[in-house]
Amino acid sequence: MKTAQDIILKPVITEKSMDGLQAGKYTFKVAKDATKPEIKKAVEKLFGVEVDKVTTMNVSGKAKRLGRYEGMTASWKKAIVTLTEDSKAIEFFEGMY
């Protein structure tokens, strides 16, 4: 059984993700094997909010070079969580936008 901390790994702080905060959309890096219902329950448990919908996408790793050595960054899964209209905001993101 995975805990909420095992599913929600960290928030994604980018310009595009910050634009979604006014619309109640929060972006997180999640476990690769996490499902939408698991992500919904984890966010509701961790932050005490009501989740309306969850959108997920797999982000491919990029090719990187360091001198003559080539490699790939790790692939990961991103979840965009939309809160309900009457839900409170997530306090972690307050003051960032």
N, C-alpha and C. Protein backbone atom coordinates (compact mmCIF):
# COMPACT_ATOMS: atom_id res chain seq x y z
N MET A 1 0.84 -1.19 0.00
CA MET A 1 0.00 0.00 0.00
C MET A 1 0.88 1.24 0.00
N LYS A 2 0.67 2.10 -0.98
CA LYS A 2 1.45 3.33 -1.08
C LYS A 2 0.81 4.43 -0.24
N THR A 3 1.64 5.23 0.41
CA THR A 3 1.13 6.37 1.16
C THR A 3 1.02 7.57 0.22
N ALA A 4 0.38 8.62 0.71
CA ALA A 4 0.22 9.84 -0.10
C ALA A 4 1.57 10.45 -0.45
N GLN A 5 2.55 10.34 0.46
CA GLN A 5 3.88 10.88 0.20
C GLN A 5 4.61 10.08 -0.87
N ASP A 6 4.28 8.79 -1.03
CA ASP A 6 4.89 7.98 -2.08
C ASP A 6 4.33 8.34 -3.45
N ILE A 7 3.10 8.84 -3.50
CA ILE A 7 2.44 9.15 -4.78
C ILE A 7 2.80 10.56 -5.23
N ILE A 8 2.64 11.55 -4.37
CA ILE A 8 2.97 12.95 -4.70
C ILE A 8 4.43 13.17 -4.32
N LEU A 9 5.30 13.31 -5.33
CA LEU A 9 6.73 13.43 -5.06
C LEU A 9 7.15 14.86 -4.77
N LYS A 10 6.76 15.81 -5.65
CA LYS A 10 7.12 17.21 -5.40
C LYS A 10 6.29 18.10 -6.31
N PRO A 11 6.13 19.38 -5.97
CA PRO A 11 5.42 20.30 -6.85
C PRO A 11 6.30 20.71 -8.03
N VAL A 12 5.66 21.05 -9.13
CA VAL A 12 6.37 21.54 -10.31
C VAL A 12 6.19 23.06 -10.33
N ILE A 13 7.30 23.79 -10.21
CA ILE A 13 7.27 25.25 -10.16
C ILE A 13 7.86 25.79 -11.47
N THR A 14 6.99 26.11 -12.43
CA THR A 14 7.40 26.71 -13.69
C THR A 14 6.48 27.88 -13.98
N GLU A 15 6.83 28.68 -14.98
CA GLU A 15 5.97 29.81 -15.34
C GLU A 15 4.60 29.32 -15.78
N LYS A 16 4.57 28.25 -16.57
CA LYS A 16 3.29 27.74 -17.06
C LYS A 16 2.44 27.18 -15.92
N SER A 17 3.06 26.49 -14.97
CA SER A 17 2.28 25.94 -13.86
C SER A 17 1.79 27.06 -12.93
N MET A 18 2.55 28.14 -12.81
CA MET A 18 2.11 29.26 -11.98
C MET A 18 0.92 30.00 -12.60
N ASP A 19 0.83 30.00 -13.94
CA ASP A 19 -0.31 30.63 -14.61
C ASP A 19 -1.61 29.90 -14.29
N GLY A 20 -1.55 28.61 -14.01
CA GLY A 20 -2.75 27.83 -13.73
C GLY A 20 -3.27 27.99 -12.31
N LEU A 21 -2.51 28.63 -11.42
CA LEU A 21 -2.93 28.75 -10.03
C LEU A 21 -4.21 29.57 -9.88
N GLN A 22 -4.39 30.61 -10.69
CA GLN A 22 -5.61 31.41 -10.60
C GLN A 22 -6.84 30.59 -10.96
N ALA A 23 -6.67 29.60 -11.83
CA ALA A 23 -7.79 28.75 -12.24
C ALA A 23 -7.95 27.55 -11.31
N GLY A 24 -7.16 27.47 -10.24
CA GLY A 24 -7.25 26.35 -9.31
C GLY A 24 -6.58 25.09 -9.81
N LYS A 25 -5.57 25.24 -10.70
CA LYS A 25 -4.85 24.09 -11.23
C LYS A 25 -3.45 24.05 -10.62
N TYR A 26 -3.12 22.91 -10.04
CA TYR A 26 -1.83 22.72 -9.38
C TYR A 26 -1.10 21.56 -10.05
N THR A 27 0.20 21.70 -10.25
CA THR A 27 0.99 20.72 -10.98
C THR A 27 1.96 20.02 -10.02
N PHE A 28 2.01 18.69 -10.11
CA PHE A 28 2.87 17.89 -9.24
C PHE A 28 3.62 16.85 -10.06
N LYS A 29 4.81 16.50 -9.59
CA LYS A 29 5.53 15.33 -10.09
C LYS A 29 5.04 14.16 -9.25
N VAL A 30 4.59 13.09 -9.91
CA VAL A 30 4.00 11.96 -9.20
C VAL A 30 4.74 10.67 -9.56
N ALA A 31 4.46 9.61 -8.81
CA ALA A 31 5.04 8.30 -9.08
C ALA A 31 4.59 7.82 -10.45
N LYS A 32 5.49 7.14 -11.18
CA LYS A 32 5.18 6.72 -12.55
C LYS A 32 4.03 5.73 -12.62
N ASP A 33 3.82 4.93 -11.57
CA ASP A 33 2.76 3.94 -11.59
C ASP A 33 1.48 4.41 -10.90
N ALA A 34 1.41 5.70 -10.53
CA ALA A 34 0.23 6.23 -9.84
C ALA A 34 -0.93 6.42 -10.82
N THR A 35 -2.13 6.08 -10.37
CA THR A 35 -3.33 6.25 -11.19
C THR A 35 -4.04 7.55 -10.80
N LYS A 36 -4.98 7.98 -11.64
CA LYS A 36 -5.70 9.23 -11.36
C LYS A 36 -6.47 9.16 -10.03
N PRO A 37 -7.20 8.06 -9.73
CA PRO A 37 -7.88 8.02 -8.42
C PRO A 37 -6.91 8.05 -7.23
N GLU A 38 -5.75 7.42 -7.37
CA GLU A 38 -4.75 7.45 -6.29
C GLU A 38 -4.22 8.87 -6.10
N ILE A 39 -3.97 9.57 -7.20
CA ILE A 39 -3.46 10.95 -7.13
C ILE A 39 -4.50 11.85 -6.47
N LYS A 40 -5.77 11.67 -6.84
CA LYS A 40 -6.85 12.47 -6.26
C LYS A 40 -6.93 12.28 -4.75
N LYS A 41 -6.91 11.03 -4.29
CA LYS A 41 -6.98 10.74 -2.86
C LYS A 41 -5.76 11.30 -2.13
N ALA A 42 -4.57 11.18 -2.74
CA ALA A 42 -3.35 11.66 -2.09
C ALA A 42 -3.36 13.16 -1.91
N VAL A 43 -3.79 13.92 -2.93
CA VAL A 43 -3.83 15.38 -2.83
C VAL A 43 -4.87 15.80 -1.79
N GLU A 44 -6.03 15.15 -1.80
CA GLU A 44 -7.06 15.49 -0.82
C GLU A 44 -6.59 15.21 0.60
N LYS A 45 -5.85 14.12 0.79
CA LYS A 45 -5.36 13.76 2.13
C LYS A 45 -4.24 14.70 2.58
N LEU A 46 -3.27 14.98 1.69
CA LEU A 46 -2.12 15.79 2.08
C LEU A 46 -2.48 17.25 2.35
N PHE A 47 -3.34 17.83 1.50
CA PHE A 47 -3.59 19.27 1.57
C PHE A 47 -4.98 19.64 2.09
N GLY A 48 -5.86 18.67 2.30
CA GLY A 48 -7.19 18.95 2.83
C GLY A 48 -8.05 19.77 1.89
N VAL A 49 -8.02 19.45 0.59
CA VAL A 49 -8.80 20.17 -0.41
C VAL A 49 -9.72 19.19 -1.14
N GLU A 50 -10.64 19.73 -1.95
CA GLU A 50 -11.52 18.90 -2.77
C GLU A 50 -11.04 18.96 -4.21
N VAL A 51 -10.76 17.79 -4.81
CA VAL A 51 -10.25 17.71 -6.17
C VAL A 51 -11.40 17.46 -7.13
N ASP A 52 -11.46 18.26 -8.21
CA ASP A 52 -12.48 18.09 -9.23
C ASP A 52 -12.03 17.08 -10.28
N LYS A 53 -10.83 17.28 -10.86
CA LYS A 53 -10.33 16.34 -11.86
C LYS A 53 -8.81 16.31 -11.84
N VAL A 54 -8.28 15.22 -12.41
CA VAL A 54 -6.84 15.01 -12.48
C VAL A 54 -6.47 14.70 -13.93
N THR A 55 -5.50 15.43 -14.47
CA THR A 55 -4.97 15.17 -15.80
C THR A 55 -3.52 14.73 -15.63
N THR A 56 -3.15 13.63 -16.29
CA THR A 56 -1.78 13.13 -16.15
C THR A 56 -1.11 13.06 -17.51
N MET A 57 0.21 13.12 -17.49
CA MET A 57 0.98 12.94 -18.71
C MET A 57 2.35 12.40 -18.36
N ASN A 58 2.90 11.58 -19.25
CA ASN A 58 4.25 11.06 -19.08
C ASN A 58 5.21 11.99 -19.80
N VAL A 59 6.23 12.47 -19.09
CA VAL A 59 7.22 13.39 -19.63
C VAL A 59 8.46 12.57 -19.98
N SER A 60 8.85 12.60 -21.25
CA SER A 60 10.01 11.84 -21.70
C SER A 60 11.30 12.52 -21.25
N GLY A 61 12.33 11.72 -21.03
CA GLY A 61 13.64 12.26 -20.68
C GLY A 61 14.29 12.90 -21.90
N LYS A 62 15.15 13.87 -21.65
CA LYS A 62 15.84 14.58 -22.73
C LYS A 62 17.26 14.03 -22.89
N ALA A 63 17.76 14.10 -24.11
CA ALA A 63 19.16 13.73 -24.36
C ALA A 63 20.06 14.86 -23.87
N LYS A 64 21.06 14.53 -23.10
CA LYS A 64 21.99 15.52 -22.56
C LYS A 64 23.42 15.07 -22.85
N ARG A 65 24.33 16.06 -22.96
CA ARG A 65 25.75 15.77 -23.17
C ARG A 65 26.55 16.47 -22.10
N LEU A 66 27.63 15.83 -21.70
CA LEU A 66 28.62 16.44 -20.83
C LEU A 66 29.96 16.09 -21.42
N GLY A 67 30.49 17.01 -22.23
CA GLY A 67 31.72 16.73 -22.96
C GLY A 67 31.46 15.68 -24.03
N ARG A 68 32.24 14.62 -24.02
CA ARG A 68 32.05 13.58 -25.02
C ARG A 68 31.06 12.51 -24.58
N TYR A 69 30.54 12.63 -23.37
CA TYR A 69 29.61 11.62 -22.84
C TYR A 69 28.17 12.03 -23.11
N GLU A 70 27.39 11.09 -23.55
CA GLU A 70 25.97 11.33 -23.81
C GLU A 70 25.13 10.52 -22.84
N GLY A 71 23.98 11.05 -22.51
CA GLY A 71 23.08 10.34 -21.61
C GLY A 71 21.68 10.89 -21.74
N MET A 72 20.79 10.39 -20.93
CA MET A 72 19.39 10.83 -20.93
C MET A 72 19.01 11.22 -19.51
N THR A 73 18.18 12.28 -19.39
CA THR A 73 17.59 12.57 -18.09
C THR A 73 16.45 11.58 -17.87
N ALA A 74 16.03 11.43 -16.65
CA ALA A 74 15.01 10.44 -16.32
C ALA A 74 13.64 10.87 -16.84
N SER A 75 12.84 9.90 -17.28
CA SER A 75 11.44 10.15 -17.62
C SER A 75 10.64 10.21 -16.32
N TRP A 76 9.53 10.98 -16.33
CA TRP A 76 8.72 11.13 -15.12
C TRP A 76 7.27 11.39 -15.49
N LYS A 77 6.41 11.35 -14.51
CA LYS A 77 4.98 11.55 -14.72
C LYS A 77 4.54 12.84 -14.04
N LYS A 78 3.73 13.62 -14.75
CA LYS A 78 3.24 14.90 -14.26
C LYS A 78 1.73 14.83 -14.11
N ALA A 79 1.21 15.39 -13.04
CA ALA A 79 -0.24 15.44 -12.81
C ALA A 79 -0.66 16.88 -12.61
N ILE A 80 -1.70 17.30 -13.34
CA ILE A 80 -2.30 18.62 -13.15
C ILE A 80 -3.63 18.40 -12.45
N VAL A 81 -3.74 18.91 -11.22
CA VAL A 81 -4.90 18.68 -10.37
C VAL A 81 -5.75 19.95 -10.37
N THR A 82 -7.03 19.81 -10.74
CA THR A 82 -7.97 20.93 -10.73
C THR A 82 -8.85 20.80 -9.49
N LEU A 83 -8.92 21.87 -8.69
CA LEU A 83 -9.73 21.86 -7.49
C LEU A 83 -11.15 22.31 -7.80
N THR A 84 -12.10 21.95 -6.93
CA THR A 84 -13.48 22.38 -7.11
C THR A 84 -13.59 23.88 -6.83
N GLU A 85 -14.70 24.47 -7.25
CA GLU A 85 -14.90 25.92 -7.08
C GLU A 85 -14.90 26.33 -5.61
N ASP A 86 -15.54 25.53 -4.74
CA ASP A 86 -15.67 25.91 -3.34
C ASP A 86 -14.53 25.40 -2.46
N SER A 87 -13.52 24.76 -3.06
CA SER A 87 -12.38 24.25 -2.29
C SER A 87 -11.43 25.39 -1.95
N LYS A 88 -10.76 25.24 -0.79
CA LYS A 88 -9.76 26.25 -0.42
C LYS A 88 -8.48 26.02 -1.24
N ALA A 89 -7.64 27.04 -1.31
CA ALA A 89 -6.39 26.93 -2.07
C ALA A 89 -5.37 26.12 -1.28
N ILE A 90 -4.39 25.57 -1.97
CA ILE A 90 -3.31 24.84 -1.32
C ILE A 90 -2.33 25.87 -0.76
N GLU A 91 -2.08 25.81 0.53
CA GLU A 91 -1.30 26.85 1.21
C GLU A 91 0.14 26.90 0.75
N PHE A 92 0.69 25.77 0.31
CA PHE A 92 2.09 25.74 -0.14
C PHE A 92 2.33 26.72 -1.28
N PHE A 93 1.35 26.87 -2.17
CA PHE A 93 1.50 27.71 -3.36
C PHE A 93 1.10 29.16 -3.10
N GLU A 94 0.60 29.49 -1.92
CA GLU A 94 0.16 30.86 -1.65
C GLU A 94 1.33 31.84 -1.75
N GLY A 95 1.10 32.96 -2.36
CA GLY A 95 2.12 33.99 -2.48
C GLY A 95 3.13 33.77 -3.60
N MET A 96 2.98 32.70 -4.39
CA MET A 96 3.91 32.45 -5.47
C MET A 96 3.50 33.13 -6.77
N TYR A 97 2.24 33.48 -6.88
CA TYR A 97 1.80 34.10 -8.15
C TYR A 97 1.50 35.52 -7.98
